């Protein structure tokens, strides 16, 4: 019994230890990796490339407003962990809750200025539970994620310029 109590205490202390979080980025830092400037004044071409980049990544384009250069899109992702679900059901019964799916929502703003076109993208992840409620909402702040998205736009613009 003493070993079981000691083991429980170890797990409790491990759960209570603070996790080191990365420092919050400033608005300027976030805007910097959310924005890319392309060397073309053809707004419609870049707008089309943005739509194609969303589609290439499995997003459903919901709305395009060319007059203001706005594109919105979303993608659903299954995030259910069956082991976690079984664990929750075993201990919580009908009240069990676990993460079920995530919705990635995205917007992009395209505007041309001084012979160049600037794109600012914003991605947000909303994780939903098995009861349909929201578990958490996070803005994606991974520069590599945005880099990948902008690379797809750049390739699309290049292909369009080459008429391939």
Protein backbone atom coordinates (compact mmCIF):
# COMPACT_ATOMS: atom_id res chain seq x y z
CA UNK A 1 0.00 0.00 0.00
CA UNK A 2 2.90 2.31 0.79
CA UNK A 3 4.33 1.78 -2.71
CA UNK A 4 0.96 2.54 -4.28
CA UNK A 5 0.67 5.78 -2.29
CA UNK A 6 4.23 6.78 -3.25
CA UNK A 7 3.51 6.05 -6.90
CA UNK A 8 0.34 8.15 -6.74
CA UNK A 9 2.27 11.01 -5.18
CA UNK A 10 4.89 10.86 -7.95
CA UNK A 11 2.16 11.07 -10.62
CA UNK A 12 0.48 13.95 -8.78
CA UNK A 13 3.72 15.92 -8.53
CA UNK A 14 4.53 15.23 -12.19
CA UNK A 15 1.12 16.55 -13.22
CA UNK A 16 1.59 19.69 -11.12
CA UNK A 17 4.99 20.67 -12.49
CA UNK A 18 4.87 23.75 -14.61
CA UNK A 19 5.55 23.39 -18.29
CA UNK A 20 7.77 26.01 -19.84
CA UNK A 21 5.81 27.95 -22.41
CA UNK A 22 7.37 29.90 -25.19
CA UNK A 23 7.19 33.64 -24.59
CA UNK A 24 4.30 35.36 -26.33
CA UNK A 25 5.15 36.97 -29.64
CA UNK A 26 4.46 40.64 -30.16
CA UNK A 27 1.84 41.72 -32.68
CA UNK A 28 4.64 42.95 -34.95
CA UNK A 29 6.44 39.58 -34.81
CA UNK A 30 3.24 37.71 -35.64
CA UNK A 31 2.37 40.06 -38.49
CA UNK A 32 5.87 39.62 -39.90
CA UNK A 33 5.56 35.86 -40.47
CA UNK A 34 1.89 36.12 -41.44
CA UNK A 35 2.73 38.47 -44.32
CA UNK A 36 4.59 37.95 -47.59
CA UNK A 37 5.16 40.38 -50.45
CA UNK A 38 5.17 39.08 -54.03
CA UNK A 39 6.89 40.86 -56.90
CA UNK A 40 3.81 41.34 -59.06
CA UNK A 41 1.11 43.98 -59.36
CA UNK A 42 -1.49 41.50 -60.62
CA UNK A 43 -3.90 41.29 -57.68
CA UNK A 44 -6.26 38.85 -59.41
CA UNK A 45 -3.37 36.49 -60.18
CA UNK A 46 -2.26 36.49 -56.54
CA UNK A 47 -5.84 36.13 -55.31
CA UNK A 48 -6.22 33.05 -57.53
CA UNK A 49 -2.93 31.68 -56.20
CA UNK A 50 -4.18 32.12 -52.61
CA UNK A 51 -7.38 30.21 -53.41
CA UNK A 52 -5.33 27.43 -55.04
CA UNK A 53 -2.96 27.26 -52.04
CA UNK A 54 -5.93 26.79 -49.71
CA UNK A 55 -7.36 24.08 -51.96
CA UNK A 56 -3.96 22.33 -52.22
CA UNK A 57 -3.95 22.03 -48.43
CA UNK A 58 -7.44 20.56 -48.24
CA UNK A 59 -9.32 23.72 -47.30
CA UNK A 60 -12.82 24.45 -48.52
CA UNK A 61 -12.92 28.03 -49.76
CA UNK A 62 -15.97 29.66 -48.19
CA UNK A 63 -15.81 33.20 -49.46
CA UNK A 64 -13.84 35.34 -51.92
CA UNK A 65 -14.37 39.09 -52.06
CA UNK A 66 -12.11 40.37 -54.87
CA UNK A 67 -13.03 44.05 -54.27
CA UNK A 68 -11.29 44.00 -50.88
CA UNK A 69 -8.93 41.06 -51.57
CA UNK A 70 -10.38 38.81 -48.89
CA UNK A 71 -10.43 35.00 -48.97
CA UNK A 72 -11.78 32.80 -46.18
CA UNK A 73 -11.52 29.03 -45.97
CA UNK A 74 -11.79 26.17 -43.49
CA UNK A 75 -10.71 22.56 -43.09
CA UNK A 76 -11.93 19.91 -40.65
CA UNK A 77 -9.48 17.47 -39.11
CA UNK A 78 -10.23 14.38 -37.01
CA UNK A 79 -8.18 14.65 -33.79
CA UNK A 80 -9.93 11.95 -31.78
CA UNK A 81 -7.63 9.78 -29.69
CA UNK A 82 -9.52 6.51 -29.27
CA UNK A 83 -7.45 5.49 -26.22
CA UNK A 84 -8.27 8.79 -24.51
CA UNK A 85 -11.94 8.39 -25.41
CA UNK A 86 -12.05 4.86 -23.96
CA UNK A 87 -10.27 6.04 -20.81
CA UNK A 88 -12.73 8.93 -20.37
CA UNK A 89 -15.77 6.70 -20.93
CA UNK A 90 -14.45 4.11 -18.46
CA UNK A 91 -13.98 6.66 -15.67
CA UNK A 92 -16.61 9.30 -16.49
CA UNK A 93 -19.43 7.33 -18.14
CA UNK A 94 -21.98 9.52 -19.92
CA UNK A 95 -20.20 12.67 -18.76
CA UNK A 96 -16.98 11.73 -20.56
CA UNK A 97 -15.51 14.45 -22.79
CA UNK A 98 -12.58 14.29 -25.17
CA UNK A 99 -11.30 16.15 -28.20
CA UNK A 100 -13.13 14.91 -31.28
CA UNK A 101 -12.31 17.14 -34.23
CA UNK A 102 -10.61 20.40 -35.10
CA UNK A 103 -11.61 23.09 -37.53
CA UNK A 104 -8.82 25.11 -39.10
CA UNK A 105 -10.20 28.48 -40.15
CA UNK A 106 -8.17 30.75 -42.39
CA UNK A 107 -8.36 34.18 -43.90
CA UNK A 108 -6.07 35.91 -46.34
CA UNK A 109 -6.01 39.55 -47.33
CA UNK A 110 -4.47 40.46 -50.69
CA UNK A 111 -3.59 44.03 -51.63
CA UNK A 112 -1.40 45.61 -54.26
CA UNK A 113 0.72 48.63 -53.51
CA UNK A 114 3.65 50.22 -55.35
CA UNK A 115 3.83 47.47 -58.00
CA UNK A 116 3.94 44.62 -55.47
CA UNK A 117 1.25 42.48 -53.91
CA UNK A 118 1.14 41.78 -50.20
CA UNK A 119 -0.65 38.76 -48.71
CA UNK A 120 -1.42 38.47 -45.02
CA UNK A 121 -2.76 35.11 -43.87
CA UNK A 122 -4.19 34.12 -40.51
CA UNK A 123 -4.90 30.56 -39.36
CA UNK A 124 -6.85 29.57 -36.27
CA UNK A 125 -7.51 26.10 -34.86
CA UNK A 126 -10.76 25.41 -33.00
CA UNK A 127 -10.81 22.02 -31.21
CA UNK A 128 -14.28 20.61 -30.58
CA UNK A 129 -15.21 17.90 -28.06
CA UNK A 130 -17.50 14.88 -28.46
CA UNK A 131 -20.46 16.91 -27.14
CA UNK A 132 -20.04 19.58 -29.82
CA UNK A 133 -18.58 22.15 -27.43
CA UNK A 134 -15.36 24.05 -27.98
CA UNK A 135 -12.36 22.73 -26.04
CA UNK A 136 -9.92 25.44 -27.10
CA UNK A 137 -9.18 27.98 -29.81
CA UNK A 138 -5.59 28.72 -30.83
CA UNK A 139 -4.12 31.09 -33.37
CA UNK A 140 -1.42 29.25 -35.27
CA UNK A 141 1.85 31.07 -34.63
CA UNK A 142 4.32 28.70 -36.26
CA UNK A 143 6.42 30.61 -38.82
CA UNK A 144 7.16 27.36 -40.72
CA UNK A 145 3.43 26.75 -41.19
CA UNK A 146 3.06 30.17 -42.85
CA UNK A 147 6.27 29.69 -44.83
CA UNK A 148 4.82 26.51 -46.33
CA UNK A 149 1.58 28.29 -47.24
CA UNK A 150 3.37 31.23 -48.87
CA UNK A 151 5.69 28.87 -50.78
CA UNK A 152 2.60 27.31 -52.39
CA UNK A 153 1.37 30.76 -53.41
CA UNK A 154 4.79 31.65 -54.84
CA UNK A 155 4.93 28.44 -56.88
CA UNK A 156 1.46 29.07 -58.26
CA UNK A 157 2.41 32.62 -59.29
CA UNK A 158 5.60 31.33 -60.93
CA UNK A 159 3.69 28.68 -62.88
CA UNK A 160 1.16 31.28 -64.03
CA UNK A 161 3.95 33.62 -65.20
CA UNK A 162 5.58 30.79 -67.17
CA UNK A 163 2.16 29.81 -68.62
CA UNK A 164 2.80 26.15 -67.68
